[in-house]
Protein backbone atom coordinates (compact mmCIF):
# COMPACT_ATOMS: atom_id res chain seq x y z
CA MET A 1 9.17 4.39 -10.32
CA LYS A 2 7.27 5.70 -13.34
CA ILE A 3 8.93 5.19 -16.72
CA LYS A 4 9.22 8.51 -18.50
CA TYR A 5 9.24 8.52 -22.30
CA VAL A 6 12.44 10.00 -23.71
CA LEU A 7 13.03 9.95 -27.45
CA PRO A 8 15.52 12.18 -29.28
CA ILE A 9 14.59 13.71 -32.68
CA MET A 10 17.10 11.50 -34.51
CA SER A 11 15.50 8.41 -32.96
CA LEU A 12 12.10 9.56 -34.20
CA ILE A 13 13.47 9.75 -37.74
CA VAL A 14 15.01 6.29 -37.49
CA ILE A 15 11.78 4.82 -36.10
CA ALA A 16 9.72 6.44 -38.86
CA VAL A 17 11.96 4.94 -41.54
CA ALA A 18 11.91 1.53 -39.86
CA ILE A 19 8.12 1.50 -39.54
CA THR A 20 7.74 2.51 -43.20
CA ALA A 21 9.91 -0.44 -44.19
CA VAL A 22 7.81 -2.81 -42.13
CA ILE A 23 4.57 -1.52 -43.66
CA ILE A 24 5.96 -2.07 -47.14
CA LEU A 25 7.44 -5.51 -46.50
CA GLN A 26 4.91 -7.08 -44.15
CA PRO A 27 1.32 -8.13 -44.87
CA LYS A 28 -1.32 -5.94 -43.24
CA ASN A 29 -3.19 -8.85 -41.69
CA ASN A 30 -1.00 -10.39 -39.01
CA ALA A 31 -3.45 -13.07 -37.85
CA THR A 32 -1.66 -16.35 -37.28
CA SER A 33 -2.02 -19.64 -39.08
CA SER A 34 -1.54 -23.04 -37.44
CA ASN A 35 2.21 -23.05 -38.16
CA GLN A 36 2.92 -19.45 -37.15
CA LYS A 37 3.87 -18.31 -33.68
CA LEU A 38 2.03 -15.45 -32.05
CA LYS A 39 4.22 -12.36 -31.92
CA ILE A 40 3.71 -10.67 -28.57
CA VAL A 41 5.31 -7.55 -27.10
CA ALA A 42 5.31 -6.83 -23.37
CA ALA A 43 6.22 -3.39 -22.10
CA GLU A 44 7.94 -5.02 -19.08
CA ASN A 45 9.72 -8.34 -18.77
CA PHE A 46 7.69 -9.70 -15.83
CA TRP A 47 4.54 -9.59 -17.98
CA GLY A 48 6.60 -11.03 -20.83
CA ASN A 49 7.73 -13.89 -18.62
CA ILE A 50 4.14 -14.74 -17.68
CA ILE A 51 3.14 -14.61 -21.36
CA SER A 52 5.96 -17.03 -22.23
CA GLN A 53 4.81 -19.47 -19.55
CA ILE A 54 1.24 -19.46 -20.81
CA GLY A 55 2.10 -19.45 -24.50
CA GLY A 56 4.94 -21.98 -24.41
CA ASP A 57 6.56 -22.66 -27.77
CA ARG A 58 3.61 -21.15 -29.63
CA VAL A 59 4.59 -17.57 -28.85
CA GLU A 60 7.50 -15.29 -29.66
CA VAL A 61 7.79 -12.71 -26.89
CA THR A 62 9.69 -9.42 -26.92
CA SER A 63 9.99 -7.55 -23.61
CA ILE A 64 10.94 -3.89 -23.95
CA ILE A 65 11.96 -3.12 -20.35
CA SER A 66 14.18 -6.03 -19.46
CA ASP A 67 17.46 -4.76 -18.00
CA PRO A 68 17.31 -4.82 -14.18
CA SER A 69 20.42 -2.64 -13.98
CA THR A 70 18.64 0.19 -15.79
CA ASP A 71 16.68 2.88 -14.00
CA PRO A 72 13.28 2.55 -15.71
CA HIS A 73 12.46 6.26 -15.65
CA LEU A 74 15.52 6.93 -17.81
CA TYR A 75 14.52 4.38 -20.45
CA GLU A 76 14.93 5.48 -24.05
CA SER A 77 12.86 3.67 -26.65
CA ASP A 78 14.40 2.92 -30.04
CA ALA A 79 13.69 1.70 -33.56
CA HIS A 80 13.94 -1.95 -32.48
CA ASP A 81 11.03 -1.45 -30.07
CA ALA A 82 8.98 0.23 -32.77
CA LEU A 83 9.60 -2.59 -35.23
CA ALA A 84 8.58 -5.22 -32.68
CA LEU A 85 5.34 -3.37 -31.93
CA SER A 86 4.49 -2.80 -35.59
CA ASN A 87 4.65 -6.55 -36.24
CA ALA A 88 2.94 -7.78 -33.06
CA ASN A 89 -0.31 -9.71 -32.83
CA LEU A 90 -0.68 -8.80 -29.17
CA VAL A 91 0.78 -6.11 -26.88
CA ILE A 92 0.50 -5.92 -23.09
CA LYS A 93 1.22 -2.78 -21.12
CA ASN A 94 1.04 -2.03 -17.43
CA GLY A 95 -0.69 1.34 -17.58
CA LEU A 96 -1.24 3.55 -14.52
CA GLY A 97 1.30 6.03 -15.88
CA TYR A 98 4.12 3.51 -15.59
CA ASP A 99 4.83 2.90 -19.29
CA ASN A 100 3.36 5.79 -21.26
CA PHE A 101 6.10 5.38 -23.85
CA ILE A 102 4.26 2.37 -25.25
CA ASP A 103 1.24 4.48 -26.24
CA LYS A 104 3.40 6.78 -28.33
CA LEU A 105 5.05 3.85 -30.07
CA LEU A 106 1.66 2.26 -30.77
CA ALA A 107 0.35 5.51 -32.23
CA ALA A 108 3.40 5.67 -34.50
CA SER A 109 2.64 2.24 -36.00
CA PRO A 110 -1.15 1.77 -36.33
CA ASN A 111 -2.29 -1.81 -36.95
CA ASN A 112 -5.97 -2.74 -36.74
CA GLN A 113 -5.08 -6.44 -36.40
CA ARG A 114 -3.06 -5.87 -33.23
CA GLN A 115 -4.71 -6.26 -29.81
CA VAL A 116 -3.51 -4.22 -26.84
CA LEU A 117 -4.09 -5.41 -23.27
CA SER A 118 -3.83 -2.90 -20.43
CA VAL A 119 -3.30 -4.30 -16.94
CA GLU A 120 -4.78 -1.11 -15.54
CA LYS A 121 -8.04 -1.79 -17.40
CA ILE A 122 -8.05 -5.54 -16.72
CA LEU A 123 -7.84 -4.91 -12.98
CA ASN A 124 -10.03 -1.79 -13.14
CA ILE A 125 -7.68 0.19 -10.93
CA GLY A 126 -8.58 3.81 -10.32
CA GLY A 127 -8.39 6.40 -7.61
CA ASP A 128 -5.97 9.20 -6.89
CA ASN A 129 -2.33 8.31 -7.56
CA PRO A 130 -2.69 4.50 -7.42
CA ASN A 131 0.45 2.41 -6.97
CA PRO A 132 1.41 1.25 -10.51
CA HIS A 133 3.52 -1.70 -9.32
CA VAL A 134 0.54 -4.06 -9.52
CA TRP A 135 2.64 -7.14 -10.34
CA TYR A 136 3.57 -7.18 -6.63
CA ASN A 137 -0.08 -7.93 -5.86
CA VAL A 138 0.16 -11.65 -6.46
CA ALA A 139 -3.52 -12.23 -5.68
CA MET A 140 -4.46 -10.01 -8.65
CA VAL A 141 -2.05 -11.53 -11.17
CA PRO A 142 -4.34 -14.49 -12.09
CA ALA A 143 -6.87 -12.03 -13.53
CA VAL A 144 -4.16 -10.66 -15.81
CA ALA A 145 -3.12 -14.19 -16.75
CA ASP A 146 -6.74 -14.99 -17.62
CA ALA A 147 -6.93 -12.02 -19.98
CA ILE A 148 -3.63 -13.01 -21.61
CA GLU A 149 -4.81 -16.60 -22.16
CA GLN A 150 -8.14 -15.46 -23.61
CA ALA A 151 -6.41 -13.09 -26.03
CA MET A 152 -4.02 -15.82 -27.14
CA ALA A 153 -6.85 -18.31 -27.67
CA ALA A 154 -8.80 -15.78 -29.72
CA LYS A 155 -5.79 -15.09 -31.94
CA ASP A 156 -4.74 -18.74 -32.18
CA PRO A 157 -7.76 -21.00 -31.49
CA SER A 158 -6.04 -24.14 -32.75
CA ASN A 159 -3.75 -24.02 -29.68
CA SER A 160 -6.34 -22.87 -27.14
CA GLY A 161 -6.08 -26.18 -25.24
CA LEU A 162 -2.35 -25.68 -24.71
CA TYR A 163 -2.88 -22.14 -23.46
CA ALA A 164 -5.59 -23.25 -21.03
CA THR A 165 -3.40 -26.02 -19.62
CA ASN A 166 -0.42 -23.70 -19.18
CA LEU A 167 -2.64 -21.09 -17.54
CA SER A 168 -3.81 -23.61 -14.96
CA THR A 169 -0.21 -24.62 -14.24
CA PHE A 170 0.82 -21.00 -13.83
CA LYS A 171 -1.97 -20.20 -11.39
CA LYS A 172 -1.14 -23.20 -9.21
CA SER A 173 2.51 -22.15 -9.10
CA LEU A 174 1.59 -18.91 -7.34
CA GLN A 175 0.46 -20.72 -4.19
CA PRO A 176 3.90 -20.86 -2.49
CA ILE A 177 4.09 -17.06 -2.73
CA MET A 178 0.64 -16.68 -1.19
CA ASP A 179 1.61 -19.15 1.54
CA THR A 180 4.66 -17.06 2.42
CA ILE A 181 2.60 -13.86 2.45
CA ASN A 182 0.06 -15.51 4.74
CA GLN A 183 2.87 -16.64 7.02
CA ILE A 184 4.12 -13.05 7.30
CA LYS A 185 0.60 -11.85 7.99
CA SER A 186 -0.05 -14.44 10.69
CA LYS A 187 3.24 -13.75 12.52
CA TYR A 188 3.95 -10.08 11.92
CA SER A 189 0.69 -8.27 11.16
CA LYS A 190 0.90 -4.55 12.03
CA THR A 191 4.69 -4.66 12.35
CA PRO A 192 6.17 -1.26 11.34
CA VAL A 193 8.29 -1.24 8.19
CA ALA A 194 9.49 1.34 5.66
CA TYR A 195 10.30 1.50 1.96
CA THR A 196 12.21 3.99 -0.17
CA GLU A 197 9.37 3.93 -2.71
CA ARG A 198 6.19 1.97 -3.35
CA VAL A 199 7.69 -0.83 -5.45
CA ALA A 200 6.71 -3.59 -2.99
CA GLY A 201 3.75 -1.68 -1.58
CA TYR A 202 1.20 -4.33 -2.57
CA LEU A 203 3.31 -7.06 -0.96
CA LEU A 204 3.38 -5.14 2.31
CA ALA A 205 -0.35 -4.44 2.15
CA SER A 206 -1.13 -8.11 1.50
CA SER A 207 1.08 -9.01 4.47
CA GLU A 208 -0.75 -6.45 6.64
CA LEU A 209 2.48 -4.69 7.59
CA ASP A 210 2.39 -1.09 8.78
CA VAL A 211 4.26 1.20 6.38
CA LYS A 212 5.71 4.24 8.16
CA THR A 213 7.36 5.96 5.18
CA PRO A 214 5.96 9.47 4.63
CA ALA A 215 3.78 9.42 1.51
CA GLY A 216 5.52 12.52 0.19
CA PHE A 217 8.95 10.90 0.51
CA ALA A 218 7.96 7.80 -1.47
CA SER A 219 6.10 9.83 -4.10
CA SER A 220 9.07 12.14 -4.67
CA ILE A 221 11.50 9.25 -5.03
CA GLU A 222 9.11 7.50 -7.41
CA ASP A 223 8.93 10.62 -9.59
CA GLY A 224 12.71 11.03 -9.59
CA ASN A 225 12.71 14.09 -7.33
CA ASP A 226 14.33 14.88 -3.98
CA PRO A 227 11.85 14.71 -1.08
CA ASN A 228 11.24 17.85 0.94
CA PRO A 229 13.37 18.35 4.07
CA SER A 230 10.52 17.51 6.44
CA ASP A 231 9.76 14.13 4.84
CA THR A 232 13.47 13.36 4.62
CA ALA A 233 13.95 14.12 8.31
CA ILE A 234 11.04 11.84 9.26
CA MET A 235 12.38 9.06 7.07
CA ASN A 236 15.86 9.36 8.55
CA SER A 237 14.50 9.31 12.09
CA LEU A 238 12.63 6.07 11.38
CA MET A 239 16.07 4.50 10.98
CA THR A 240 17.99 6.27 13.74
CA ASP A 241 15.17 5.80 16.28
CA HIS A 242 14.72 2.12 15.39
CA SER A 243 11.05 2.82 14.63
CA VAL A 244 10.80 0.15 11.93
CA ARG A 245 11.79 -3.51 11.76
CA VAL A 246 12.73 -3.67 8.06
CA LEU A 247 13.62 -1.27 5.22
CA LEU A 248 12.65 -2.30 1.69
CA TYR A 249 15.06 -0.70 -0.74
CA ASN A 250 14.58 -0.30 -4.50
CA ALA A 251 17.91 -1.60 -5.71
CA GLN A 252 17.12 -0.68 -9.31
CA ALA A 253 16.55 3.06 -8.94
CA THR A 254 18.82 4.65 -6.35
CA SER A 255 19.80 8.18 -5.38
CA ALA A 256 21.96 9.89 -2.78
CA VAL A 257 18.87 10.32 -0.62
CA THR A 258 17.84 6.65 -0.67
CA GLN A 259 21.41 5.46 -0.22
CA HIS A 260 21.68 7.65 2.88
CA VAL A 261 18.53 6.08 4.30
CA ARG A 262 19.97 2.65 3.58
CA ASP A 263 23.22 3.58 5.32
CA LEU A 264 21.29 4.78 8.37
CA ALA A 265 19.37 1.49 8.46
CA GLY A 266 22.62 -0.44 8.35
CA GLN A 267 24.11 1.62 11.17
CA ALA A 268 20.98 1.03 13.25
CA GLY A 269 21.03 -2.71 12.61
CA ILE A 270 17.74 -2.62 10.68
CA PRO A 271 17.59 -5.36 8.02
CA VAL A 272 17.43 -4.10 4.43
CA VAL A 273 15.53 -6.12 1.82
CA GLY A 274 16.36 -5.25 -1.78
CA VAL A 275 13.53 -5.25 -4.31
CA THR A 276 13.54 -4.57 -8.04
CA GLU A 277 11.03 -3.23 -10.53
CA THR A 278 11.84 -5.75 -13.28
CA LEU A 279 12.61 -9.45 -13.32
CA PRO A 280 16.35 -9.88 -12.57
CA SER A 281 18.50 -11.91 -14.94
CA ASP A 282 19.23 -14.51 -12.27
CA GLN A 283 15.54 -15.33 -11.83
CA LYS A 284 13.98 -17.65 -14.41
CA THR A 285 10.35 -16.92 -13.62
CA TYR A 286 8.06 -14.29 -12.18
CA GLN A 287 7.14 -16.79 -9.46
CA SER A 288 10.70 -17.45 -8.27
CA TRP A 289 11.40 -13.71 -8.19
CA GLN A 290 8.36 -12.86 -6.10
CA LEU A 291 8.77 -15.89 -3.84
CA ASN A 292 12.41 -15.09 -3.07
CA GLN A 293 11.57 -11.50 -2.19
CA ALA A 294 8.67 -12.57 0.06
CA LYS A 295 10.95 -15.07 1.78
CA ALA A 296 13.62 -12.41 2.23
CA LEU A 297 11.04 -10.16 3.88
CA LEU A 298 9.92 -12.98 6.17
CA ALA A 299 13.52 -13.71 7.18
CA ALA A 300 14.23 -10.02 7.82
CA LEU A 301 11.21 -9.81 10.12
CA GLY A 302 12.50 -12.74 12.11
CA GLY A 303 11.62 -15.85 10.09
């Protein structure tokens, strides 16, 4: 689901005052010395978690979107977010229309010493209405990790060896996820499945599963709108006619329409796999989160 920027007038005033205070009190050059930690802001907590793994104790990470119980498209930025960004050495955003709020906050606190990484640009993703949930494409995540490590090393060259070592460890830790995806692909390629929206779309594509959800249904749900009656009828019939083996359900952003589809799946005996847009509080790492979801999908398909 795309995160829409919502900021009341009063919040704008508070942010402006807070940023002014930071400009007055903080030095303009925020380059680090050997005894200073890099201050890094991630628009979403899964990117923040990866940054923390690569940076170790040499980074101080603030993740703006971090509450898995919050519907991301209703997120309201605040003065705390603005202060974190104004003081950051490095910022990472997802792009692809998912976190446009970050651009407005960056524009409100200009800092020529701050570097901004865009996952959209790192991965060079284009096309018409691309799926923004790129962190579910585990095979592409190492390229993002590379860019993060390079930015850290450039900002803090005295600790570049640590960052390189942690990067290598992180990349190796992704293999169990890829192994599970390959297992799904080898056993269940072309199996029909459905999702309420495209959150895990890259996972399903990597697993070579056949998504039957009408594109209009998923797009409407992703944008926070009700799908048209035709798409809704098709989606419902996928459940009642047992036309799919598994339903992937965005547990973080729900509506009466998606809950009805989930209920129909339950009545039809179709397994439902819950997925989330942000790293849940009970998962310590990006890797454990993605691995557990891939394993849940494998089990739902038959193991």
